[in-house]
Amino acid sequence: MQSEGKIIGEITVIGPDRKGIVASVTNYIFENQGNIEKINQNVVRGLFGMQLEASFNGIDKDGFVRGLRRLCKSLGMDVKVHFDEPDRLKNMAVLVSKEPHCLEAILKAKEKGELSVNIPIVVGTEHTLKPIASSYNIPFYHVNHRDQASAEARILRLLDKYNIDFIVLARYMRILTPNFVWRYPNRIINIHPSLLPAFPGAYAYLQAHERGTQIIGCTAHFVTEELDAGPIIWQEAFRIRNGESLESIKRRGQSLEAKALLKAIKLYIEGRLEVYWGKVYIKGGDSKRSKNKSVNSSKANHDRIT
């Protein structure tokens, strides 16, 4: 079916690195009267990934996708095409492990009307949080993660089935591979329990406690192939009390994790986030920030230190 007006399509191409991929795909877009707005390429251990954004003034979406899939199959590549649909609510998938606080905050905010988004699925590395999802009548899928590649392949099938626009990692305790991350460029939001870039990895609170850090917090950021190094969206912080225990720090931190993650989700679904050269900029409408102000410092990313 022919669509009218300007249409934005996100295209990701992934597969073994070889010559001619970029030229073939970009030429196909030009042949279909598309204009390339953004393009990014990566190669990690022989795996090639290209993400590009193209605009079209009217396009037969189905025909374009069929042709692109045929082309990429001939090149030995996988392709994913996502067209922006501004007239419908975005579909958000939530990935979880054991910790409930972020998932509970998201689902409560959605129930209260604070998040204008659909949540078609919750995916868990185990069954622990299934009762929470079920209490909100949201399908919960347990995906066995003994083999990460197989787990990611199943999750990707679920994301396609539910037409997922973006993904939130609500304390999902697995490291996603480039093969997964590159398919959702700047569309995977994670929450990390430290003021990145300090203390990446799984034991951030413990590291901060052992190092005697006086100010600690959490960071909502986009996911890239580099662990806990993606563009920062929002940060919250608090001051550690003299002699405070590790458990107390964790409890206070978890409250801010939920707050920062919800803020990042809201900014995303409102279309207010732009990423340039690895930095996030927030577009107007926030009285605490000036328009297009970079948010990549801890000072800019929390309202106050308590």
Protein backbone atom coordinates (compact mmCIF):
# COMPACT_ATOMS: atom_id res chain seq x y z
CA MET A 1 0.00 0.00 0.00
CA GLN A 2 1.31 3.47 -0.89
CA SER A 3 1.84 5.82 2.07
CA GLU A 4 1.78 9.61 1.65
CA GLY A 5 3.84 12.29 3.36
CA LYS A 6 7.31 12.17 4.82
CA ILE A 7 8.12 8.81 6.35
CA ILE A 8 11.17 7.99 8.46
CA GLY A 9 12.59 4.47 8.35
CA GLU A 10 15.30 2.98 10.57
CA ILE A 11 17.24 0.22 8.83
CA THR A 12 19.75 -2.10 10.47
CA VAL A 13 21.88 -4.55 8.51
CA ILE A 14 23.91 -7.19 10.36
CA GLY A 15 26.07 -10.09 9.23
CA PRO A 16 29.59 -11.22 8.38
CA ASP A 17 31.83 -8.36 7.33
CA ARG A 18 32.35 -8.15 3.57
CA LYS A 19 32.84 -5.59 0.83
CA GLY A 20 29.98 -3.90 -0.96
CA ILE A 21 27.32 -3.94 1.76
CA VAL A 22 27.15 -0.19 2.34
CA ALA A 23 27.10 0.64 -1.36
CA SER A 24 24.42 -1.94 -2.15
CA VAL A 25 22.04 -0.89 0.62
CA THR A 26 22.45 2.86 0.15
CA ASN A 27 22.00 2.54 -3.62
CA TYR A 28 18.78 0.61 -3.04
CA ILE A 29 17.49 3.42 -0.81
CA PHE A 30 18.39 6.06 -3.42
CA GLU A 31 16.67 4.01 -6.13
CA ASN A 32 13.52 4.15 -3.99
CA GLN A 33 13.73 7.97 -3.73
CA GLY A 34 14.98 7.82 -0.15
CA ASN A 35 17.28 10.34 1.50
CA ILE A 36 19.78 9.09 4.07
CA GLU A 37 19.64 11.26 7.21
CA LYS A 38 22.03 9.33 9.48
CA ILE A 39 24.36 6.38 9.05
CA ASN A 40 26.65 4.47 11.40
CA GLN A 41 28.80 1.39 10.86
CA ASN A 42 30.61 -0.97 13.23
CA VAL A 43 32.70 -4.10 12.92
CA VAL A 44 33.38 -6.27 15.99
CA ARG A 45 35.21 -9.59 15.65
CA GLY A 46 34.16 -9.96 12.02
CA LEU A 47 30.52 -9.02 12.65
CA PHE A 48 29.38 -6.05 10.56
CA GLY A 49 26.58 -3.79 11.70
CA MET A 50 25.13 -0.76 9.93
CA GLN A 51 22.34 1.46 11.21
CA LEU A 52 20.88 4.17 9.06
CA GLU A 53 17.89 6.48 9.06
CA ALA A 54 16.26 7.36 5.78
CA SER A 55 13.39 9.66 4.87
CA PHE A 56 10.90 9.13 2.07
CA ASN A 57 8.25 11.38 0.54
CA GLY A 58 5.72 8.63 0.06
CA ILE A 59 6.71 4.97 -0.20
CA ASP A 60 5.26 1.52 -0.69
CA LYS A 61 6.46 0.21 2.68
CA ASP A 62 5.74 -3.46 2.04
CA GLY A 63 7.34 -3.41 -1.40
CA PHE A 64 10.39 -1.55 -0.11
CA VAL A 65 10.91 -4.04 2.72
CA ARG A 66 10.47 -7.07 0.47
CA GLY A 67 13.04 -5.75 -1.97
CA LEU A 68 15.50 -4.87 0.77
CA ARG A 69 15.17 -8.31 2.32
CA ARG A 70 15.88 -9.94 -1.03
CA LEU A 71 18.93 -7.75 -1.47
CA CYS A 72 20.29 -8.45 2.01
CA LYS A 73 19.67 -12.18 1.64
CA SER A 74 21.78 -12.14 -1.52
CA LEU A 75 24.52 -10.42 0.49
CA GLY A 76 24.28 -12.95 3.34
CA MET A 77 23.00 -10.27 5.75
CA ASP A 78 20.07 -9.92 8.15
CA VAL A 79 18.00 -6.76 7.89
CA LYS A 80 15.46 -5.06 10.12
CA VAL A 81 13.31 -2.12 9.04
CA HIS A 82 11.35 0.02 11.49
CA PHE A 83 9.11 2.82 10.22
CA ASP A 84 8.22 5.66 12.56
CA GLU A 85 4.48 5.73 13.21
CA PRO A 86 3.78 8.99 15.10
CA ASP A 87 0.01 8.45 15.18
CA ARG A 88 0.10 5.45 17.52
CA LEU A 89 1.44 4.72 20.99
CA LYS A 90 4.88 3.16 21.04
CA ASN A 91 5.22 -0.49 22.03
CA MET A 92 7.74 -0.98 24.85
CA ALA A 93 9.17 -4.33 25.93
CA VAL A 94 10.57 -4.68 29.45
CA LEU A 95 13.42 -7.13 30.15
CA VAL A 96 14.00 -8.19 33.76
CA SER A 97 15.85 -10.62 36.02
CA LYS A 98 15.15 -10.82 39.78
CA GLU A 99 14.91 -7.31 41.21
CA PRO A 100 11.30 -6.02 41.19
CA HIS A 101 11.59 -2.31 42.00
CA CYS A 102 12.02 -0.94 38.48
CA LEU A 103 9.38 -3.18 36.92
CA GLU A 104 6.90 -2.28 39.68
CA ALA A 105 7.55 1.44 39.19
CA ILE A 106 7.05 1.17 35.42
CA LEU A 107 3.79 -0.76 35.67
CA LYS A 108 2.40 1.50 38.40
CA ALA A 109 3.24 4.60 36.36
CA LYS A 110 1.55 3.07 33.31
CA GLU A 111 -1.56 2.22 35.38
CA LYS A 112 -1.73 5.81 36.70
CA GLY A 113 -1.53 7.22 33.19
CA GLU A 114 1.93 8.67 33.73
CA LEU A 115 3.42 6.75 30.78
CA SER A 116 1.73 7.06 27.39
CA VAL A 117 2.99 3.76 26.05
CA ASN A 118 1.88 0.20 25.37
CA ILE A 119 3.62 -2.61 27.26
CA PRO A 120 2.78 -5.77 25.30
CA ILE A 121 5.36 -8.06 26.97
CA VAL A 122 7.72 -8.55 29.88
CA VAL A 123 10.64 -10.92 29.28
CA GLY A 124 12.50 -12.48 32.21
CA THR A 125 15.68 -14.45 32.64
CA GLU A 126 13.71 -16.48 35.23
CA HIS A 127 10.16 -16.77 36.57
CA THR A 128 10.65 -14.56 39.67
CA LEU A 129 8.79 -11.48 38.42
CA LYS A 130 6.04 -13.23 36.50
CA PRO A 131 3.42 -12.61 39.26
CA ILE A 132 4.02 -8.85 38.99
CA ALA A 133 3.47 -8.82 35.24
CA SER A 134 0.46 -11.11 35.56
CA SER A 135 -1.14 -8.81 38.15
CA TYR A 136 -1.23 -6.14 35.42
CA ASN A 137 -2.45 -8.62 32.76
CA ILE A 138 0.77 -8.32 30.77
CA PRO A 139 2.14 -11.47 29.08
CA PHE A 140 5.35 -12.68 30.71
CA TYR A 141 7.86 -14.78 28.79
CA HIS A 142 10.60 -16.70 30.54
CA VAL A 143 13.61 -17.12 28.26
CA ASN A 144 16.29 -19.55 29.36
CA HIS A 145 19.64 -17.77 29.27
CA ARG A 146 22.05 -20.70 29.59
CA ASP A 147 23.13 -19.81 26.07
CA GLN A 148 22.99 -16.05 25.47
CA ALA A 149 22.93 -16.30 21.68
CA SER A 150 19.91 -18.66 21.72
CA ALA A 151 18.19 -16.49 24.33
CA GLU A 152 18.68 -13.35 22.26
CA ALA A 153 17.38 -15.08 19.13
CA ARG A 154 14.16 -16.00 20.95
CA ILE A 155 13.79 -12.50 22.42
CA LEU A 156 14.24 -10.96 18.95
CA ARG A 157 11.45 -13.18 17.63
CA LEU A 158 9.18 -11.99 20.45
CA LEU A 159 10.04 -8.36 19.76
CA ASP A 160 9.14 -8.79 16.11
CA LYS A 161 5.91 -10.61 16.99
CA TYR A 162 4.74 -7.73 19.20
CA ASN A 163 6.04 -4.96 16.90
CA ILE A 164 8.24 -3.53 19.67
CA ASP A 165 9.51 0.01 19.13
CA PHE A 166 11.94 0.21 22.04
CA ILE A 167 13.22 -1.84 24.96
CA VAL A 168 13.75 -1.07 28.64
CA LEU A 169 16.19 -3.10 30.71
CA ALA A 170 14.66 -2.94 34.18
CA ARG A 171 17.60 -4.51 36.04
CA TYR A 172 18.10 -7.14 33.34
CA MET A 173 21.32 -8.76 34.49
CA ARG A 174 22.75 -9.95 31.21
CA ILE A 175 25.16 -8.35 28.75
CA LEU A 176 23.56 -8.01 25.33
CA THR A 177 25.72 -8.85 22.33
CA PRO A 178 26.38 -6.47 19.42
CA ASN A 179 24.18 -8.71 17.26
CA PHE A 180 21.23 -7.72 19.48
CA VAL A 181 22.12 -4.13 20.34
CA TRP A 182 22.76 -3.04 16.77
CA ARG A 183 19.21 -4.01 15.79
CA TYR A 184 17.78 -1.37 18.17
CA PRO A 185 20.15 1.62 17.92
CA ASN A 186 19.36 4.20 20.61
CA ARG A 187 16.18 2.24 21.34
CA ILE A 188 17.37 0.22 24.35
CA ILE A 189 17.33 2.03 27.70
CA ASN A 190 19.18 0.62 30.70
CA ILE A 191 19.41 1.67 34.34
CA HIS A 192 22.78 1.32 36.05
CA PRO A 193 23.39 1.74 39.80
CA SER A 194 26.19 4.31 39.63
CA LEU A 195 26.97 7.74 38.26
CA LEU A 196 28.55 6.53 35.06
CA PRO A 197 31.24 6.49 33.86
CA ALA A 198 32.30 5.46 37.38
CA PHE A 199 31.80 1.85 38.50
CA PRO A 200 30.48 0.00 35.44
CA GLY A 201 29.53 -3.66 35.77
CA ALA A 202 27.37 -5.72 38.11
CA TYR A 203 28.73 -4.64 41.52
CA ALA A 204 28.56 -0.86 41.37
CA TYR A 205 27.18 -0.29 44.90
CA LEU A 206 29.77 -2.63 46.39
CA GLN A 207 32.60 -0.88 44.54
CA ALA A 208 31.38 2.54 45.62
CA HIS A 209 31.05 1.39 49.25
CA GLU A 210 34.52 -0.15 49.30
CA ARG A 211 36.10 2.94 47.72
CA GLY A 212 34.51 5.26 50.27
CA THR A 213 32.57 7.24 47.70
CA GLN A 214 30.70 10.16 49.28
CA ILE A 215 28.20 10.72 46.47
CA ILE A 216 26.52 7.85 44.65
CA GLY A 217 23.61 7.53 42.31
CA CYS A 218 22.31 5.86 39.19
CA THR A 219 22.32 6.43 35.46
CA ALA A 220 19.71 5.79 32.77
CA HIS A 221 21.47 5.43 29.44
CA PHE A 222 21.14 4.04 25.95
CA VAL A 223 22.75 0.65 25.44
CA THR A 224 25.68 0.22 23.06
CA GLU A 225 28.03 -2.70 22.41
CA GLU A 226 30.38 -1.26 25.06
CA LEU A 227 29.33 -2.23 28.60
CA ASP A 228 27.69 0.63 30.55
CA ALA A 229 29.21 3.22 28.24
CA GLY A 230 26.22 4.28 26.15
CA PRO A 231 24.94 7.87 25.90
CA ILE A 232 23.65 9.13 29.26
CA ILE A 233 19.99 10.16 29.41
CA TRP A 234 19.38 10.97 33.09
CA GLN A 235 21.12 10.68 36.45
CA GLU A 236 20.06 10.89 40.09
CA ALA A 237 22.35 11.08 43.11
CA PHE A 238 22.47 11.11 46.91
CA ARG A 239 25.13 11.65 49.55
CA ILE A 240 26.30 8.65 51.57
CA ARG A 241 25.94 9.09 55.32
CA ASN A 242 28.87 8.55 57.63
CA GLY A 243 29.14 4.84 58.42
CA GLU A 244 26.17 3.92 56.23
CA SER A 245 25.89 0.20 55.49
CA LEU A 246 25.99 -1.31 52.04
CA GLU A 247 22.39 -2.52 52.42
CA SER A 248 21.18 0.99 53.29
CA ILE A 249 22.98 2.38 50.24
CA LYS A 250 21.33 -0.23 48.04
CA ARG A 251 17.84 0.55 49.37
CA ARG A 252 18.24 4.27 48.79
CA GLY A 253 19.80 3.68 45.41
CA GLN A 254 17.00 1.43 44.21
CA SER A 255 14.45 4.17 44.82
CA LEU A 256 16.45 6.52 42.62
CA GLU A 257 16.94 3.81 39.99
CA ALA A 258 13.20 3.66 39.46
CA LYS A 259 12.94 7.47 39.39
CA ALA A 260 15.73 7.91 36.84
CA LEU A 261 14.47 5.10 34.63
CA LEU A 262 10.94 6.50 34.56
CA LYS A 263 12.28 9.93 33.64
CA ALA A 264 14.28 8.47 30.77
CA ILE A 265 11.28 6.52 29.48
CA LYS A 266 9.06 9.61 29.58
CA LEU A 267 11.63 11.68 27.69
CA TYR A 268 11.93 8.96 25.08
CA ILE A 269 8.23 8.46 24.43
CA GLU A 270 7.76 12.24 24.26
CA GLY A 271 10.31 12.31 21.43
CA ARG A 272 12.59 14.68 23.32
CA LEU A 273 15.87 12.79 23.09
CA GLU A 274 18.47 13.33 20.38
CA VAL A 275 21.85 11.60 20.21
CA TYR A 276 24.78 13.28 18.51
CA TRP A 277 28.37 12.03 18.65
CA GLY A 278 27.69 9.83 21.65
CA LYS A 279 25.89 12.50 23.70
CA VAL A 280 22.22 12.87 24.55
CA TYR A 281 20.50 16.23 24.15
CA ILE A 282 17.05 16.94 25.57
CA LYS A 283 14.74 19.00 23.40
CA GLY A 284 12.75 21.79 25.15
CA GLY A 285 9.83 21.57 27.53
CA ASP A 286 11.74 20.92 30.75
CA SER A 287 11.87 23.92 33.08
CA LYS A 288 14.95 22.52 34.82
CA ARG A 289 16.95 22.39 31.61
CA SER A 290 17.56 24.78 28.76
CA LYS A 291 16.69 23.59 25.27
CA ASN A 292 19.14 21.11 23.74
CA LYS A 293 21.40 21.22 26.79
CA SER A 294 23.80 18.29 27.06
CA VAL A 295 23.02 16.00 29.96
CA ASN A 296 26.31 14.21 30.19
CA SER A 297 27.48 15.48 33.56
CA SER A 298 26.23 14.33 36.94
CA LYS A 299 25.61 17.96 37.92
CA ALA A 300 23.14 18.38 35.07
CA ASN A 301 21.48 15.03 35.59
CA HIS A 302 20.08 15.27 39.10
CA ASP A 303 18.03 18.02 40.69
CA ARG A 304 19.80 18.00 44.02
CA ILE A 305 21.99 15.83 46.23
CA THR A 306 20.20 14.73 49.39
